[in-house]
Structures are given as structure tokens and as C-alpha cells.
Amino acid sequence: MSRKTVKHEIDLADLPPLSEKQKAELSALSGRAGSDVDYSELSTLTAAFWKDAERGKFYKPTKTSTTVRIDSDVLAWLRSQGKGYQSRINAILRREMLASLK
């Protein structure tokens, strides 16, 4: 079975009008105080939960095709590591980017 990706772009400056039902729900919610919200069913997130957490585990960035000039010896070394040298270039650049953001 093939899957088709459907993308929707929304112009935040020109949103579609709300239905009467949506307006009623928003009106009811806006009148509630934060203390009225029942959080009893939510479990507390402990340190054990966060121990194995991974940042961006489900994040899949979009790819952009570009042309980059790389020294021949660097490219040869990357290619000598086997298939996937472009992914390795991306991983190296991402690692450096994340290190510089810390």
C-alpha cells in the first residue's frame, strides 16, 4: 500500500471562520479558571522517565538539495567509509551545529 503525503499550508493572517460549535467551545473554555482543570489522571513524569529520553527522536527535517565544494581528500575519505557518505556529511554538520548551539 502506498502512502501519499498531504501538506496543507495555512495563512495565519487569513484563517477560515470558526463554526458556531467551535465558537461555543472556545467561549466555554475561556470562562474557566486554570484551577478548574482536573490533572488527577495525568501521571507525574519522574527522573526515570527522562533518563532515556531522546531529543528529536520523531523529528524528521526536510532536505534541501545544494552544491558544496569539499576538499578532494575529505570527500574521498567520506566515500571510503562506504555507502551513505552524504548522510555522514549531514550528521557531521548537524553534530557541529548542535554543539555550537549549546
PDB file of N, CA and C in Angstrom:
ATOM      1  N   MET A   1       0.849  -1.163   0.000  1.00  0.00           N
ATOM      2  CA  MET A   1       0.000   0.000   0.000  1.00  0.00           C
ATOM      3  C   MET A   1       0.899   1.233   0.000  1.00  0.00           C
ATOM      4  N   SER A   2       0.669   2.136  -0.907  1.00  0.00           N
ATOM      5  CA  SER A   2       1.467   3.360  -0.957  1.00  0.00           C
ATOM      6  C   SER A   2       0.774   4.446  -0.147  1.00  0.00           C
ATOM      7  N   ARG A   3       1.591   5.298   0.440  1.00  0.00           N
ATOM      8  CA  ARG A   3       1.059   6.405   1.217  1.00  0.00           C
ATOM      9  C   ARG A   3       1.402   7.701   0.515  1.00  0.00           C
ATOM     10  N   LYS A   4       0.462   8.586   0.485  1.00  0.00           N
ATOM     11  CA  LYS A   4       0.709   9.890  -0.091  1.00  0.00           C
ATOM     12  C   LYS A   4       0.781  10.914   1.030  1.00  0.00           C
ATOM     13  N   THR A   5       1.762  11.770   0.972  1.00  0.00           N
ATOM     14  CA  THR A   5       1.888  12.826   1.955  1.00  0.00           C
ATOM     15  C   THR A   5       1.019  13.990   1.519  1.00  0.00           C
ATOM     16  N   VAL A   6       0.209  14.442   2.423  1.00  0.00           N
ATOM     17  CA  VAL A   6      -0.664  15.579   2.144  1.00  0.00           C
ATOM     18  C   VAL A   6      -0.159  16.743   2.963  1.00  0.00           C
ATOM     19  N   LYS A   7       0.099  17.856   2.324  1.00  0.00           N
ATOM     20  CA  LYS A   7       0.562  19.047   3.018  1.00  0.00           C
ATOM     21  C   LYS A   7      -0.481  20.136   2.890  1.00  0.00           C
ATOM     22  N   HIS A   8      -0.704  20.813   3.982  1.00  0.00           N
ATOM     23  CA  HIS A   8      -1.622  21.938   3.989  1.00  0.00           C
ATOM     24  C   HIS A   8      -0.863  23.160   4.457  1.00  0.00           C
ATOM     25  N   GLU A   9      -1.002  24.240   3.767  1.00  0.00           N
ATOM     26  CA  GLU A   9      -0.413  25.488   4.216  1.00  0.00           C
ATOM     27  C   GLU A   9      -1.539  26.394   4.661  1.00  0.00           C
ATOM     28  N   ILE A  10      -1.370  26.957   5.840  1.00  0.00           N
ATOM     29  CA  ILE A  10      -2.396  27.819   6.396  1.00  0.00           C
ATOM     30  C   ILE A  10      -1.832  29.224   6.512  1.00  0.00           C
ATOM     31  N   ASP A  11      -2.567  30.164   5.995  1.00  0.00           N
ATOM     32  CA  ASP A  11      -2.187  31.559   6.120  1.00  0.00           C
ATOM     33  C   ASP A  11      -2.741  32.050   7.448  1.00  0.00           C
ATOM     34  N   LEU A  12      -1.859  32.240   8.436  1.00  0.00           N
ATOM     35  CA  LEU A  12      -2.305  32.638   9.764  1.00  0.00           C
ATOM     36  C   LEU A  12      -2.943  34.021   9.778  1.00  0.00           C
ATOM     37  N   ALA A  13      -2.674  34.810   8.761  1.00  0.00           N
ATOM     38  CA  ALA A  13      -3.287  36.129   8.673  1.00  0.00           C
ATOM     39  C   ALA A  13      -4.702  36.049   8.102  1.00  0.00           C
ATOM     40  N   ASP A  14      -5.053  34.915   7.497  1.00  0.00           N
ATOM     41  CA  ASP A  14      -6.362  34.779   6.872  1.00  0.00           C
ATOM     42  C   ASP A  14      -6.931  33.385   7.171  1.00  0.00           C
ATOM     43  N   LEU A  15      -7.236  33.158   8.447  1.00  0.00           N
ATOM     44  CA  LEU A  15      -7.740  31.853   8.871  1.00  0.00           C
ATOM     45  C   LEU A  15      -9.195  31.665   8.454  1.00  0.00           C
ATOM     46  N   PRO A  16      -9.610  30.418   8.226  1.00  0.00           N
ATOM     47  CA  PRO A  16     -11.018  30.175   7.893  1.00  0.00           C
ATOM     48  C   PRO A  16     -11.895  30.507   9.108  1.00  0.00           C
ATOM     49  N   PRO A  17     -13.131  30.880   8.890  1.00  0.00           N
ATOM     50  CA  PRO A  17     -14.000  31.246  10.016  1.00  0.00           C
ATOM     51  C   PRO A  17     -14.322  30.034  10.887  1.00  0.00           C
ATOM     52  N   LEU A  18     -14.533  30.295  12.190  1.00  0.00           N
ATOM     53  CA  LEU A  18     -14.895  29.235  13.118  1.00  0.00           C
ATOM     54  C   LEU A  18     -16.368  28.891  12.971  1.00  0.00           C
ATOM     55  N   SER A  19     -16.680  27.616  13.196  1.00  0.00           N
ATOM     56  CA  SER A  19     -18.085  27.196  13.179  1.00  0.00           C
ATOM     57  C   SER A  19     -18.731  27.663  14.486  1.00  0.00           C
ATOM     58  N   GLU A  20     -20.045  27.620  14.536  1.00  0.00           N
ATOM     59  CA  GLU A  20     -20.748  28.012  15.762  1.00  0.00           C
ATOM     60  C   GLU A  20     -20.373  27.081  16.914  1.00  0.00           C
ATOM     61  N   LYS A  21     -20.198  25.797  16.621  1.00  0.00           N
ATOM     62  CA  LYS A  21     -19.811  24.831  17.645  1.00  0.00           C
ATOM     63  C   LYS A  21     -18.427  25.173  18.201  1.00  0.00           C
ATOM     64  N   GLN A  22     -17.487  25.515  17.322  1.00  0.00           N
ATOM     65  CA  GLN A  22     -16.135  25.875  17.763  1.00  0.00           C
ATOM     66  C   GLN A  22     -16.168  27.141  18.611  1.00  0.00           C
ATOM     67  N   LYS A  23     -16.969  28.118  18.196  1.00  0.00           N
ATOM     68  CA  LYS A  23     -17.094  29.362  18.966  1.00  0.00           C
ATOM     69  C   LYS A  23     -17.644  29.082  20.360  1.00  0.00           C
ATOM     70  N   ALA A  24     -18.641  28.197  20.454  1.00  0.00           N
ATOM     71  CA  ALA A  24     -19.237  27.857  21.746  1.00  0.00           C
ATOM     72  C   ALA A  24     -18.218  27.159  22.651  1.00  0.00           C
ATOM     73  N   GLU A  25     -17.415  26.238  22.082  1.00  0.00           N
ATOM     74  CA  GLU A  25     -16.393  25.536  22.867  1.00  0.00           C
ATOM     75  C   GLU A  25     -15.351  26.507  23.384  1.00  0.00           C
ATOM     76  N   LEU A  26     -14.897  27.414  22.531  1.00  0.00           N
ATOM     77  CA  LEU A  26     -13.897  28.399  22.951  1.00  0.00           C
ATOM     78  C   LEU A  26     -14.451  29.321  24.025  1.00  0.00           C
ATOM     79  N   SER A  27     -15.692  29.708  23.881  1.00  0.00           N
ATOM     80  CA  SER A  27     -16.324  30.574  24.865  1.00  0.00           C
ATOM     81  C   SER A  27     -16.405  29.878  26.220  1.00  0.00           C
ATOM     82  N   ALA A  28     -16.783  28.610  26.216  1.00  0.00           N
ATOM     83  CA  ALA A  28     -16.889  27.850  27.459  1.00  0.00           C
ATOM     84  C   ALA A  28     -15.514  27.676  28.107  1.00  0.00           C
ATOM     85  N   LEU A  29     -14.506  27.414  27.305  1.00  0.00           N
ATOM     86  CA  LEU A  29     -13.161  27.222  27.840  1.00  0.00           C
ATOM     87  C   LEU A  29     -12.555  28.522  28.361  1.00  0.00           C
ATOM     88  N   SER A  30     -12.819  29.623  27.693  1.00  0.00           N
ATOM     89  CA  SER A  30     -12.221  30.893  28.102  1.00  0.00           C
ATOM     90  C   SER A  30     -12.762  31.371  29.441  1.00  0.00           C
ATOM     91  N   GLY A  31     -13.940  30.884  29.816  1.00  0.00           N
ATOM     92  CA  GLY A  31     -14.527  31.281  31.086  1.00  0.00           C
ATOM     93  C   GLY A  31     -14.029  30.470  32.264  1.00  0.00           C
ATOM     94  N   ARG A  32     -13.256  29.438  32.023  1.00  0.00           N
ATOM     95  CA  ARG A  32     -12.767  28.576  33.096  1.00  0.00           C
ATOM     96  C   ARG A  32     -11.459  29.106  33.657  1.00  0.00           C
ATOM     97  N   ALA A  33     -11.300  28.957  34.944  1.00  0.00           N
ATOM     98  CA  ALA A  33     -10.036  29.319  35.583  1.00  0.00           C
ATOM     99  C   ALA A  33      -9.082  28.133  35.461  1.00  0.00           C
ATOM    100  N   GLY A  34      -7.799  28.402  35.484  1.00  0.00           N
ATOM    101  CA  GLY A  34      -6.813  27.334  35.387  1.00  0.00           C
ATOM    102  C   GLY A  34      -6.923  26.344  36.525  1.00  0.00           C
ATOM    103  N   SER A  35      -7.396  26.807  37.673  1.00  0.00           N
ATOM    104  CA  SER A  35      -7.537  25.913  38.824  1.00  0.00           C
ATOM    105  C   SER A  35      -8.697  24.939  38.648  1.00  0.00           C
ATOM    106  N   ASP A  36      -9.569  25.182  37.672  1.00  0.00           N
ATOM    107  CA  ASP A  36     -10.703  24.286  37.415  1.00  0.00           C
ATOM    108  C   ASP A  36     -10.311  23.052  36.612  1.00  0.00           C
ATOM    109  N   VAL A  37      -9.121  23.046  36.065  1.00  0.00           N
ATOM    110  CA  VAL A  37      -8.698  21.923  35.231  1.00  0.00           C
ATOM    111  C   VAL A  37      -8.280  20.764  36.114  1.00  0.00           C
ATOM    112  N   ASP A  38      -8.805  19.585  35.827  1.00  0.00           N
ATOM    113  CA  ASP A  38      -8.520  18.384  36.611  1.00  0.00           C
ATOM    114  C   ASP A  38      -7.324  17.650  36.002  1.00  0.00           C
ATOM    115  N   TYR A  39      -6.213  17.658  36.719  1.00  0.00           N
ATOM    116  CA  TYR A  39      -4.996  16.997  36.262  1.00  0.00           C
ATOM    117  C   TYR A  39      -4.789  15.647  36.944  1.00  0.00           C
ATOM    118  N   SER A  40      -5.769  15.157  37.690  1.00  0.00           N
ATOM    119  CA  SER A  40      -5.589  13.953  38.502  1.00  0.00           C
ATOM    120  C   SER A  40      -5.277  12.703  37.672  1.00  0.00           C
ATOM    121  N   GLU A  41      -5.716  12.645  36.431  1.00  0.00           N
ATOM    122  CA  GLU A  41      -5.469  11.460  35.611  1.00  0.00           C
ATOM    123  C   GLU A  41      -4.079  11.459  34.981  1.00  0.00           C
ATOM    124  N   LEU A  42      -3.397  12.584  35.037  1.00  0.00           N
ATOM    125  CA  LEU A  42      -2.059  12.664  34.447  1.00  0.00           C
ATOM    126  C   LEU A  42      -1.038  12.088  35.411  1.00  0.00           C
ATOM    127  N   SER A  43      -0.134  11.278  34.888  1.00  0.00           N
ATOM    128  CA  SER A  43       0.912  10.728  35.740  1.00  0.00           C
ATOM    129  C   SER A  43       2.057  11.734  35.842  1.00  0.00           C
ATOM    130  N   THR A  44       2.755  11.679  36.966  1.00  0.00           N
ATOM    131  CA  THR A  44       3.902  12.559  37.182  1.00  0.00           C
ATOM    132  C   THR A  44       5.088  11.995  36.415  1.00  0.00           C
ATOM    133  N   LEU A  45       5.796  12.849  35.701  1.00  0.00           N
ATOM    134  CA  LEU A  45       6.974  12.408  34.960  1.00  0.00           C
ATOM    135  C   LEU A  45       8.173  12.443  35.898  1.00  0.00           C
ATOM    136  N   THR A  46       8.722  11.269  36.150  1.00  0.00           N
ATOM    137  CA  THR A  46       9.839  11.140  37.091  1.00  0.00           C
ATOM    138  C   THR A  46      11.173  11.266  36.358  1.00  0.00           C
ATOM    139  N   ALA A  47      12.239  11.318  37.127  1.00  0.00           N
ATOM    140  CA  ALA A  47      13.589  11.374  36.551  1.00  0.00           C
ATOM    141  C   ALA A  47      13.859  10.115  35.724  1.00  0.00           C
ATOM    142  N   ALA A  48      13.294   8.973  36.129  1.00  0.00           N
ATOM    143  CA  ALA A  48      13.482   7.721  35.386  1.00  0.00           C
ATOM    144  C   ALA A  48      12.888   7.827  33.980  1.00  0.00           C
ATOM    145  N   PHE A  49      11.763   8.533  33.863  1.00  0.00           N
ATOM    146  CA  PHE A  49      11.147   8.721  32.553  1.00  0.00           C
ATOM    147  C   PHE A  49      12.078   9.494  31.625  1.00  0.00           C
ATOM    148  N   TRP A  50      12.691  10.551  32.141  1.00  0.00           N
ATOM    149  CA  TRP A  50      13.536  11.415  31.319  1.00  0.00           C
ATOM    150  C   TRP A  50      14.919  10.836  31.073  1.00  0.00           C
ATOM    151  N   LYS A  51      15.304   9.800  31.839  1.00  0.00           N
ATOM    152  CA  LYS A  51      16.654   9.221  31.731  1.00  0.00           C
ATOM    153  C   LYS A  51      16.955   8.750  30.304  1.00  0.00           C
ATOM    154  N   ASP A  52      16.002   8.108  29.665  1.00  0.00           N
ATOM    155  CA  ASP A  52      16.223   7.556  28.328  1.00  0.00           C
ATOM    156  C   ASP A  52      15.599   8.399  27.221  1.00  0.00           C
ATOM    157  N   ALA A  53      15.190   9.606  27.569  1.00  0.00           N
ATOM    158  CA  ALA A  53      14.554  10.468  26.566  1.00  0.00           C
ATOM    159  C   ALA A  53      15.569  10.887  25.504  1.00  0.00           C
ATOM    160  N   GLU A  54      15.107  10.986  24.284  1.00  0.00           N
ATOM    161  CA  GLU A  54      15.959  11.418  23.172  1.00  0.00           C
ATOM    162  C   GLU A  54      15.366  12.672  22.560  1.00  0.00           C
ATOM    163  N   ARG A  55      16.199  13.673  22.373  1.00  0.00           N
ATOM    164  CA  ARG A  55      15.739  14.892  21.730  1.00  0.00           C
ATOM    165  C   ARG A  55      15.576  14.636  20.241  1.00  0.00           C
ATOM    166  N   GLY A  56      14.430  15.040  19.709  1.00  0.00           N
ATOM    167  CA  GLY A  56      14.189  14.945  18.276  1.00  0.00           C
ATOM    168  C   GLY A  56      14.013  13.540  17.740  1.00  0.00           C
ATOM    169  N   LYS A  57      13.631  12.595  18.578  1.00  0.00           N
ATOM    170  CA  LYS A  57      13.511  11.198  18.137  1.00  0.00           C
ATOM    171  C   LYS A  57      12.555  11.048  16.959  1.00  0.00           C
ATOM    172  N   PHE A  58      11.471  11.801  16.966  1.00  0.00           N
ATOM    173  CA  PHE A  58      10.478  11.672  15.906  1.00  0.00           C
ATOM    174  C   PHE A  58      10.530  12.841  14.923  1.00  0.00           C
ATOM    175  N   TYR A  59      11.535  13.689  15.077  1.00  0.00           N
ATOM    176  CA  TYR A  59      11.683  14.844  14.197  1.00  0.00           C
ATOM    177  C   TYR A  59      12.385  14.422  12.918  1.00  0.00           C
ATOM    178  N   LYS A  60      11.784  14.733  11.782  1.00  0.00           N
ATOM    179  CA  LYS A  60      12.406  14.417  10.503  1.00  0.00           C
ATOM    180  C   LYS A  60      12.503  15.717   9.707  1.00  0.00           C
ATOM    181  N   PRO A  61      13.700  16.299   9.674  1.00  0.00           N
ATOM    182  CA  PRO A  61      13.831  17.577   8.975  1.00  0.00           C
ATOM    183  C   PRO A  61      13.669  17.421   7.467  1.00  0.00           C
ATOM    184  N   THR A  62      13.262  18.476   6.833  1.00  0.00           N
ATOM    185  CA  THR A  62      13.163  18.452   5.374  1.00  0.00           C
ATOM    186  C   THR A  62      14.576  18.523   4.796  1.00  0.00           C
ATOM    187  N   LYS A  63      14.739  18.004   3.618  1.00  0.00           N
ATOM    188  CA  LYS A  63      16.041  18.008   2.947  1.00  0.00           C
ATOM    189  C   LYS A  63      16.036  19.063   1.848  1.00  0.00           C
ATOM    190  N   THR A  64      17.188  19.681   1.658  1.00  0.00           N
ATOM    191  CA  THR A  64      17.363  20.671   0.610  1.00  0.00           C
ATOM    192  C   THR A  64      18.566  20.276  -0.227  1.00  0.00           C
ATOM    193  N   SER A  65      18.386  20.278  -1.509  1.00  0.00           N
ATOM    194  CA  SER A  65      19.492  19.955  -2.408  1.00  0.00           C
ATOM    195  C   SER A  65      20.349  21.206  -2.598  1.00  0.00           C
ATOM    196  N   THR A  66      21.659  21.017  -2.503  1.00  0.00           N
ATOM    197  CA  THR A  66      22.571  22.146  -2.648  1.00  0.00           C
ATOM    198  C   THR A  66      23.887  21.655  -3.241  1.00  0.00           C
ATOM    199  N   THR A  67      24.725  22.578  -3.616  1.00  0.00           N
ATOM    200  CA  THR A  67      26.053  22.248  -4.113  1.00  0.00           C
ATOM    201  C   THR A  67      27.066  22.768  -3.108  1.00  0.00           C
ATOM    202  N   VAL A  68      27.998  21.901  -2.703  1.00  0.00           N
ATOM    203  CA  VAL A  68      29.008  22.268  -1.722  1.00  0.00           C
ATOM    204  C   VAL A  68      30.370  21.874  -2.269  1.00  0.00           C
ATOM    205  N   ARG A  69      31.330  22.751  -2.087  1.00  0.00           N
ATOM    206  CA  ARG A  69      32.691  22.434  -2.509  1.00  0.00           C
ATOM    207  C   ARG A  69      33.440  21.861  -1.307  1.00  0.00           C
ATOM    208  N   ILE A  70      33.921  20.624  -1.465  1.00  0.00           N
ATOM    209  CA  ILE A  70      34.606  19.905  -0.391  1.00  0.00           C
ATOM    210  C   ILE A  70      35.982  19.488  -0.898  1.00  0.00           C
ATOM    211  N   ASP A  71      36.966  19.571  -0.040  1.00  0.00           N
ATOM    212  CA  ASP A  71      38.306  19.131  -0.430  1.00  0.00           C
ATOM    213  C   ASP A  71      38.255  17.681  -0.897  1.00  0.00           C
ATOM    214  N   SER A  72      39.027  17.395  -1.945  1.00  0.00           N
ATOM    215  CA  SER A  72      39.004  16.055  -2.559  1.00  0.00           C
ATOM    216  C   SER A  72      39.365  14.955  -1.579  1.00  0.00           C
ATOM    217  N   ASP A  73      40.357  15.206  -0.715  1.00  0.00           N
ATOM    218  CA  ASP A  73      40.763  14.162   0.229  1.00  0.00           C
ATOM    219  C   ASP A  73      39.677  13.905   1.272  1.00  0.00           C
ATOM    220  N   VAL A  74      38.959  14.939   1.662  1.00  0.00           N
ATOM    221  CA  VAL A  74      37.866  14.776   2.630  1.00  0.00           C
ATOM    222  C   VAL A  74      36.742  13.962   1.995  1.00  0.00           C
ATOM    223  N   LEU A  75      36.386  14.293   0.765  1.00  0.00           N
ATOM    224  CA  LEU A  75      35.329  13.555   0.075  1.00  0.00           C
ATOM    225  C   LEU A  75      35.738  12.101  -0.147  1.00  0.00           C
ATOM    226  N   ALA A  76      36.999  11.880  -0.516  1.00  0.00           N
ATOM    227  CA  ALA A  76      37.481  10.512  -0.718  1.00  0.00           C
ATOM    228  C   ALA A  76      37.399   9.712   0.577  1.00  0.00           C
ATOM    229  N   TRP A  77      37.756  10.344   1.695  1.00  0.00           N
ATOM    230  CA  TRP A  77      37.677   9.666   2.989  1.00  0.00           C
ATOM    231  C   TRP A  77      36.225   9.314   3.331  1.00  0.00           C
ATOM    232  N   LEU A  78      35.307  10.264   3.115  1.00  0.00           N
ATOM    233  CA  LEU A  78      33.896  10.003   3.400  1.00  0.00           C
ATOM    234  C   LEU A  78      33.360   8.856   2.540  1.00  0.00           C
ATOM    235  N   ARG A  79      33.709   8.869   1.268  1.00  0.00           N
ATOM    236  CA  ARG A  79      33.240   7.815   0.365  1.00  0.00           C
ATOM    237  C   ARG A  79      33.868   6.465   0.702  1.00  0.00           C
ATOM    238  N   SER A  80      35.101   6.486   1.221  1.00  0.00           N
ATOM    239  CA  SER A  80      35.784   5.230   1.560  1.00  0.00           C
ATOM    240  C   SER A  80      35.117   4.516   2.742  1.00  0.00           C
ATOM    241  N   GLN A  81      34.300   5.228   3.496  1.00  0.00           N
ATOM    242  CA  GLN A  81      33.599   4.651   4.642  1.00  0.00           C
ATOM    243  C   GLN A  81      32.425   3.788   4.199  1.00  0.00           C
ATOM    244  N   GLY A  82      32.105   3.825   2.904  1.00  0.00           N
ATOM    245  CA  GLY A  82      31.000   3.018   2.387  1.00  0.00           C
ATOM    246  C   GLY A  82      29.818   3.873   1.986  1.00  0.00           C
ATOM    247  N   LYS A  83      28.746   3.183   1.671  1.00  0.00           N
ATOM    248  CA  LYS A  83      27.540   3.833   1.198  1.00  0.00           C
ATOM    249  C   LYS A  83      27.004   4.824   2.237  1.00  0.00           C
ATOM    250  N   GLY A  84      26.432   5.924   1.767  1.00  0.00           N
ATOM    251  CA  GLY A  84      25.815   6.885   2.673  1.00  0.00           C
ATOM    252  C   GLY A  84      26.711   8.055   3.048  1.00  0.00           C
ATOM    253  N   TYR A  85      27.655   8.402   2.191  1.00  0.00           N
ATOM    254  CA  TYR A  85      28.578   9.479   2.540  1.00  0.00           C
ATOM    255  C   TYR A  85      27.855  10.821   2.705  1.00  0.00           C
ATOM    256  N   GLN A  86      26.781  11.046   1.948  1.00  0.00           N
ATOM    257  CA  GLN A  86      26.047  12.304   2.098  1.00  0.00           C
ATOM    258  C   GLN A  86      25.361  12.373   3.457  1.00  0.00           C
ATOM    259  N   SER A  87      24.839  11.257   3.914  1.00  0.00           N
ATOM    260  CA  SER A  87      24.228  11.218   5.247  1.00  0.00           C
ATOM    261  C   SER A  87      25.279  11.460   6.321  1.00  0.00           C
ATOM    262  N   ARG A  88      26.484  10.939   6.110  1.00  0.00           N
ATOM    263  CA  ARG A  88      27.561  11.186   7.071  1.00  0.00           C
ATOM    264  C   ARG A  88      27.957  12.648   7.081  1.00  0.00           C
ATOM    265  N   ILE A  89      28.005  13.289   5.918  1.00  0.00           N
ATOM    266  CA  ILE A  89      28.294  14.721   5.856  1.00  0.00           C
ATOM    267  C   ILE A  89      27.239  15.479   6.666  1.00  0.00           C
ATOM    268  N   ASN A  90      25.981  15.111   6.459  1.00  0.00           N
ATOM    269  CA  ASN A  90      24.884  15.774   7.178  1.00  0.00           C
ATOM    270  C   ASN A  90      25.014  15.552   8.683  1.00  0.00           C
ATOM    271  N   ALA A  91      25.353  14.322   9.094  1.00  0.00           N
ATOM    272  CA  ALA A  91      25.485  14.019  10.526  1.00  0.00           C
ATOM    273  C   ALA A  91      26.622  14.816  11.153  1.00  0.00           C
ATOM    274  N   ILE A  92      27.732  14.940  10.436  1.00  0.00           N
ATOM    275  CA  ILE A  92      28.871  15.714  10.940  1.00  0.00           C
ATOM    276  C   ILE A  92      28.477  17.182  11.093  1.00  0.00           C
ATOM    277  N   LEU A  93      27.815  17.715  10.084  1.00  0.00           N
ATOM    278  CA  LEU A  93      27.389  19.115  10.153  1.00  0.00           C
ATOM    279  C   LEU A  93      26.361  19.339  11.257  1.00  0.00           C
ATOM    280  N   ARG A  94      25.427  18.397  11.410  1.00  0.00           N
ATOM    281  CA  ARG A  94      24.415  18.520  12.471  1.00  0.00           C
ATOM    282  C   ARG A  94      25.069  18.483  13.850  1.00  0.00           C
ATOM    283  N   ARG A  95      26.026  17.576  14.040  1.00  0.00           N
ATOM    284  CA  ARG A  95      26.723  17.487  15.324  1.00  0.00           C
ATOM    285  C   ARG A  95      27.412  18.810  15.654  1.00  0.00           C
ATOM    286  N   GLU A  96      28.063  19.405  14.674  1.00  0.00           N
ATOM    287  CA  GLU A  96      28.728  20.690  14.882  1.00  0.00           C
ATOM    288  C   GLU A  96      27.721  21.801  15.161  1.00  0.00           C
ATOM    289  N   MET A  97      26.595  21.768  14.438  1.00  0.00           N
ATOM    290  CA  MET A  97      25.566  22.781  14.644  1.00  0.00           C
ATOM    291  C   MET A  97      25.016  22.700  16.061  1.00  0.00           C
ATOM    292  N   LEU A  98      24.694  21.492  16.524  1.00  0.00           N
ATOM    293  CA  LEU A  98      24.141  21.326  17.870  1.00  0.00           C
ATOM    294  C   LEU A  98      25.170  21.702  18.939  1.00  0.00           C
ATOM    295  N   ALA A  99      26.439  21.398  18.692  1.00  0.00           N
ATOM    296  CA  ALA A  99      27.483  21.765  19.643  1.00  0.00           C
ATOM    297  C   ALA A  99      27.608  23.279  19.767  1.00  0.00           C
ATOM    298  N   SER A 100      27.450  23.972  18.652  1.00  0.00           N
ATOM    299  CA  SER A 100      27.580  25.439  18.697  1.00  0.00           C
ATOM    300  C   SER A 100      26.368  26.104  19.334  1.00  0.00           C
ATOM    301  N   LEU A 101      25.227  25.385  19.380  1.00  0.00           N
ATOM    302  CA  LEU A 101      24.023  25.947  19.987  1.00  0.00           C
ATOM    303  C   LEU A 101      24.015  25.797  21.497  1.00  0.00           C
ATOM    304  N   LYS A 102      24.872  24.938  22.040  1.00  0.00           N
ATOM    305  CA  LYS A 102      24.907  24.713  23.497  1.00  0.00           C
ATOM    306  C   LYS A 102      25.593  25.845  24.217  1.00  0.00           C
TER     307      LYS A 102
END
